[in-house]
């Protein structure tokens, strides 16, 4: 099983929300912008 750390810095709310929805299906949110 592979492990990944995903961090992002997206200023646009709409784009950020889309990214969050996708990442929440695949991982656990550790902080606001880290999965």
N, C-alpha and C. Protein backbone atom coordinates (compact mmCIF):
# COMPACT_ATOMS: atom_id res chain seq x y z
N UNK A 1 0.84 -1.18 0.00
CA UNK A 1 0.00 0.00 0.00
C UNK A 1 0.88 1.25 0.00
N UNK A 2 0.63 2.13 -0.92
CA UNK A 2 1.40 3.37 -1.02
C UNK A 2 0.79 4.45 -0.14
N UNK A 3 1.64 5.32 0.34
CA UNK A 3 1.19 6.48 1.12
C UNK A 3 1.65 7.74 0.44
N UNK A 4 0.78 8.71 0.41
CA UNK A 4 1.09 9.98 -0.22
C UNK A 4 0.72 11.11 0.72
N UNK A 5 1.44 12.20 0.64
CA UNK A 5 1.11 13.43 1.34
C UNK A 5 0.77 14.46 0.27
N UNK A 6 -0.43 15.02 0.36
CA UNK A 6 -0.87 16.01 -0.62
C UNK A 6 -1.09 17.33 0.11
N UNK A 7 -0.42 18.37 -0.34
CA UNK A 7 -0.61 19.71 0.21
C UNK A 7 -0.88 20.66 -0.95
N UNK A 8 -1.73 21.64 -0.71
CA UNK A 8 -2.08 22.56 -1.78
C UNK A 8 -2.23 23.97 -1.25
N UNK A 9 -2.11 24.92 -2.15
CA UNK A 9 -2.30 26.34 -1.84
C UNK A 9 -3.09 26.95 -2.99
N UNK A 10 -4.41 26.90 -2.87
CA UNK A 10 -5.31 27.38 -3.93
C UNK A 10 -6.10 28.55 -3.36
N UNK A 11 -5.96 29.71 -3.97
CA UNK A 11 -6.62 30.90 -3.42
C UNK A 11 -8.09 31.01 -3.83
N UNK A 12 -8.46 30.45 -4.96
CA UNK A 12 -9.84 30.55 -5.44
C UNK A 12 -10.73 29.54 -4.72
N UNK A 13 -11.77 30.02 -4.06
CA UNK A 13 -12.64 29.17 -3.24
C UNK A 13 -13.26 28.02 -4.02
N UNK A 14 -13.77 28.31 -5.20
CA UNK A 14 -14.46 27.27 -5.98
C UNK A 14 -13.51 26.14 -6.37
N UNK A 15 -12.34 26.49 -6.85
CA UNK A 15 -11.35 25.47 -7.22
C UNK A 15 -10.90 24.68 -6.01
N UNK A 16 -10.66 25.37 -4.92
CA UNK A 16 -10.22 24.70 -3.70
C UNK A 16 -11.28 23.71 -3.21
N UNK A 17 -12.54 24.09 -3.27
CA UNK A 17 -13.63 23.20 -2.84
C UNK A 17 -13.68 21.93 -3.69
N UNK A 18 -13.46 22.08 -4.97
CA UNK A 18 -13.45 20.91 -5.85
C UNK A 18 -12.32 19.95 -5.50
N UNK A 19 -11.15 20.51 -5.27
CA UNK A 19 -9.99 19.69 -4.91
C UNK A 19 -10.25 18.97 -3.59
N UNK A 20 -10.81 19.67 -2.62
CA UNK A 20 -11.10 19.08 -1.31
C UNK A 20 -12.07 17.91 -1.46
N UNK A 21 -13.12 18.09 -2.25
CA UNK A 21 -14.11 17.02 -2.43
C UNK A 21 -13.48 15.76 -3.01
N UNK A 22 -12.60 15.94 -3.97
CA UNK A 22 -11.93 14.79 -4.58
C UNK A 22 -11.00 14.12 -3.58
N UNK A 23 -10.19 14.90 -2.89
CA UNK A 23 -9.22 14.33 -1.96
C UNK A 23 -9.88 13.64 -0.78
N UNK A 24 -11.02 14.14 -0.33
CA UNK A 24 -11.71 13.53 0.81
C UNK A 24 -12.19 12.12 0.48
N UNK A 25 -12.36 11.80 -0.79
CA UNK A 25 -12.75 10.44 -1.17
C UNK A 25 -11.59 9.46 -1.05
N UNK A 26 -10.36 9.97 -1.07
CA UNK A 26 -9.20 9.10 -1.11
C UNK A 26 -8.34 9.13 0.15
N UNK A 27 -8.56 10.10 1.03
CA UNK A 27 -7.67 10.20 2.17
C UNK A 27 -8.27 10.91 3.34
N UNK A 28 -7.47 11.02 4.37
CA UNK A 28 -7.86 11.67 5.62
C UNK A 28 -7.27 13.06 5.64
N UNK A 29 -8.09 14.02 5.97
CA UNK A 29 -7.63 15.41 6.05
C UNK A 29 -6.90 15.62 7.37
N UNK A 30 -5.64 16.05 7.29
CA UNK A 30 -4.83 16.24 8.49
C UNK A 30 -4.91 17.69 8.98
N UNK A 31 -4.94 18.62 8.06
CA UNK A 31 -5.08 20.04 8.34
C UNK A 31 -5.92 20.63 7.23
N UNK A 32 -6.13 21.93 7.23
CA UNK A 32 -6.97 22.57 6.22
C UNK A 32 -6.52 22.27 4.79
N UNK A 33 -5.22 22.23 4.56
CA UNK A 33 -4.74 22.03 3.19
C UNK A 33 -3.79 20.84 3.06
N UNK A 34 -3.89 19.89 3.97
CA UNK A 34 -3.01 18.72 3.92
C UNK A 34 -3.85 17.45 4.08
N UNK A 35 -3.68 16.53 3.14
CA UNK A 35 -4.34 15.24 3.20
C UNK A 35 -3.30 14.16 3.28
